[in-house]
Amino acid sequence: MRIAGTVGGLLLAFVGAVWMLQGFNATFVPQSFMTASPLWILIGAVTLGGGLALARRSWNR
């Protein structure tokens, strides 16, 4: 379960980073309904933090 939790946490962190970049209206990220929305910056930051916390906790088990 250590590897599964670590990989899952890193994938979750990656998704959070993409959501944050869409919220910031980055030019290299695909455009969607999330583009230039401060709500998605916040949601992405929380998801990124949770994913990193999950990966770290799984790795340190």
C-alpha atoms as a PDB file:
ATOM      1  CA  MET A   1       0.000   0.000   0.000  1.00  0.00           C
ATOM      2  CA  ARG A   2       2.999   2.287   0.404  1.00  0.00           C
ATOM      3  CA  ILE A   3       3.606   2.616  -3.323  1.00  0.00           C
ATOM      4  CA  ALA A   4      -0.103   2.884  -4.185  1.00  0.00           C
ATOM      5  CA  GLY A   5      -0.616   5.702  -1.677  1.00  0.00           C
ATOM      6  CA  THR A   6       2.489   7.528  -2.848  1.00  0.00           C
ATOM      7  CA  VAL A   7       1.568   7.272  -6.535  1.00  0.00           C
ATOM      8  CA  GLY A   8      -2.048   8.218  -5.812  1.00  0.00           C
ATOM      9  CA  GLY A   9      -0.938  11.233  -3.796  1.00  0.00           C
ATOM     10  CA  LEU A  10       1.418  12.403  -6.525  1.00  0.00           C
ATOM     11  CA  LEU A  11      -1.312  12.021  -9.169  1.00  0.00           C
ATOM     12  CA  LEU A  12      -3.694  13.997  -6.971  1.00  0.00           C
ATOM     13  CA  ALA A  13      -1.049  16.696  -6.540  1.00  0.00           C
ATOM     14  CA  PHE A  14      -0.544  16.831 -10.322  1.00  0.00           C
ATOM     15  CA  VAL A  15      -4.285  17.276 -10.895  1.00  0.00           C
ATOM     16  CA  GLY A  16      -4.346  20.044  -8.291  1.00  0.00           C
ATOM     17  CA  ALA A  17      -1.458  21.803 -10.027  1.00  0.00           C
ATOM     18  CA  VAL A  18      -3.269  21.649 -13.386  1.00  0.00           C
ATOM     19  CA  TRP A  19      -6.417  23.079 -11.802  1.00  0.00           C
ATOM     20  CA  MET A  20      -4.411  25.906 -10.262  1.00  0.00           C
ATOM     21  CA  LEU A  21      -2.755  26.695 -13.603  1.00  0.00           C
ATOM     22  CA  GLN A  22      -6.156  26.774 -15.292  1.00  0.00           C
ATOM     23  CA  GLY A  23      -7.390  29.138 -12.598  1.00  0.00           C
ATOM     24  CA  PHE A  24      -4.356  31.365 -13.210  1.00  0.00           C
ATOM     25  CA  ASN A  25      -5.145  31.295 -16.971  1.00  0.00           C
ATOM     26  CA  ALA A  26      -1.775  29.822 -17.992  1.00  0.00           C
ATOM     27  CA  THR A  27      -1.376  29.807 -21.775  1.00  0.00           C
ATOM     28  CA  PHE A  28       0.011  26.251 -22.059  1.00  0.00           C
ATOM     29  CA  VAL A  29      -2.861  24.610 -20.152  1.00  0.00           C
ATOM     30  CA  PRO A  30      -5.984  23.577 -22.098  1.00  0.00           C
ATOM     31  CA  GLN A  31      -8.808  26.112 -21.865  1.00  0.00           C
ATOM     32  CA  SER A  32     -12.040  25.125 -20.126  1.00  0.00           C
ATOM     33  CA  PHE A  33     -14.772  26.500 -17.891  1.00  0.00           C
ATOM     34  CA  MET A  34     -12.149  26.708 -15.101  1.00  0.00           C
ATOM     35  CA  THR A  35     -10.027  29.253 -16.983  1.00  0.00           C
ATOM     36  CA  ALA A  36      -9.348  32.502 -15.078  1.00  0.00           C
ATOM     37  CA  SER A  37     -11.496  31.508 -12.103  1.00  0.00           C
ATOM     38  CA  PRO A  38     -10.209  32.250  -8.577  1.00  0.00           C
ATOM     39  CA  LEU A  39     -12.340  29.399  -7.231  1.00  0.00           C
ATOM     40  CA  TRP A  40     -10.262  26.859  -9.161  1.00  0.00           C
ATOM     41  CA  ILE A  41      -7.045  28.364  -7.832  1.00  0.00           C
ATOM     42  CA  LEU A  42      -8.292  27.646  -4.312  1.00  0.00           C
ATOM     43  CA  ILE A  43      -9.625  24.174  -5.142  1.00  0.00           C
ATOM     44  CA  GLY A  44      -6.357  23.336  -6.913  1.00  0.00           C
ATOM     45  CA  ALA A  45      -4.256  24.523  -3.969  1.00  0.00           C
ATOM     46  CA  VAL A  46      -6.239  22.394  -1.512  1.00  0.00           C
ATOM     47  CA  THR A  47      -6.023  19.366  -3.824  1.00  0.00           C
ATOM     48  CA  LEU A  48      -2.298  19.895  -4.370  1.00  0.00           C
ATOM     49  CA  GLY A  49      -1.664  20.118  -0.632  1.00  0.00           C
ATOM     50  CA  GLY A  50      -3.782  17.068   0.107  1.00  0.00           C
ATOM     51  CA  GLY A  51      -2.046  15.030  -2.574  1.00  0.00           C
ATOM     52  CA  LEU A  52       1.401  15.951  -1.283  1.00  0.00           C
ATOM     53  CA  ALA A  53       0.353  15.159   2.284  1.00  0.00           C
ATOM     54  CA  LEU A  54      -1.005  11.767   1.196  1.00  0.00           C
ATOM     55  CA  ALA A  55       2.187  10.968  -0.731  1.00  0.00           C
ATOM     56  CA  ARG A  56       4.409  11.965   2.170  1.00  0.00           C
ATOM     57  CA  ARG A  57       2.373  10.032   4.724  1.00  0.00           C
ATOM     58  CA  SER A  58       2.350   6.929   2.530  1.00  0.00           C
ATOM     59  CA  TRP A  59       6.091   7.182   1.865  1.00  0.00           C
ATOM     60  CA  ASN A  60       6.944   7.532   5.581  1.00  0.00           C
ATOM     61  CA  ARG A  61       4.951   4.501   6.702  1.00  0.00           C
END
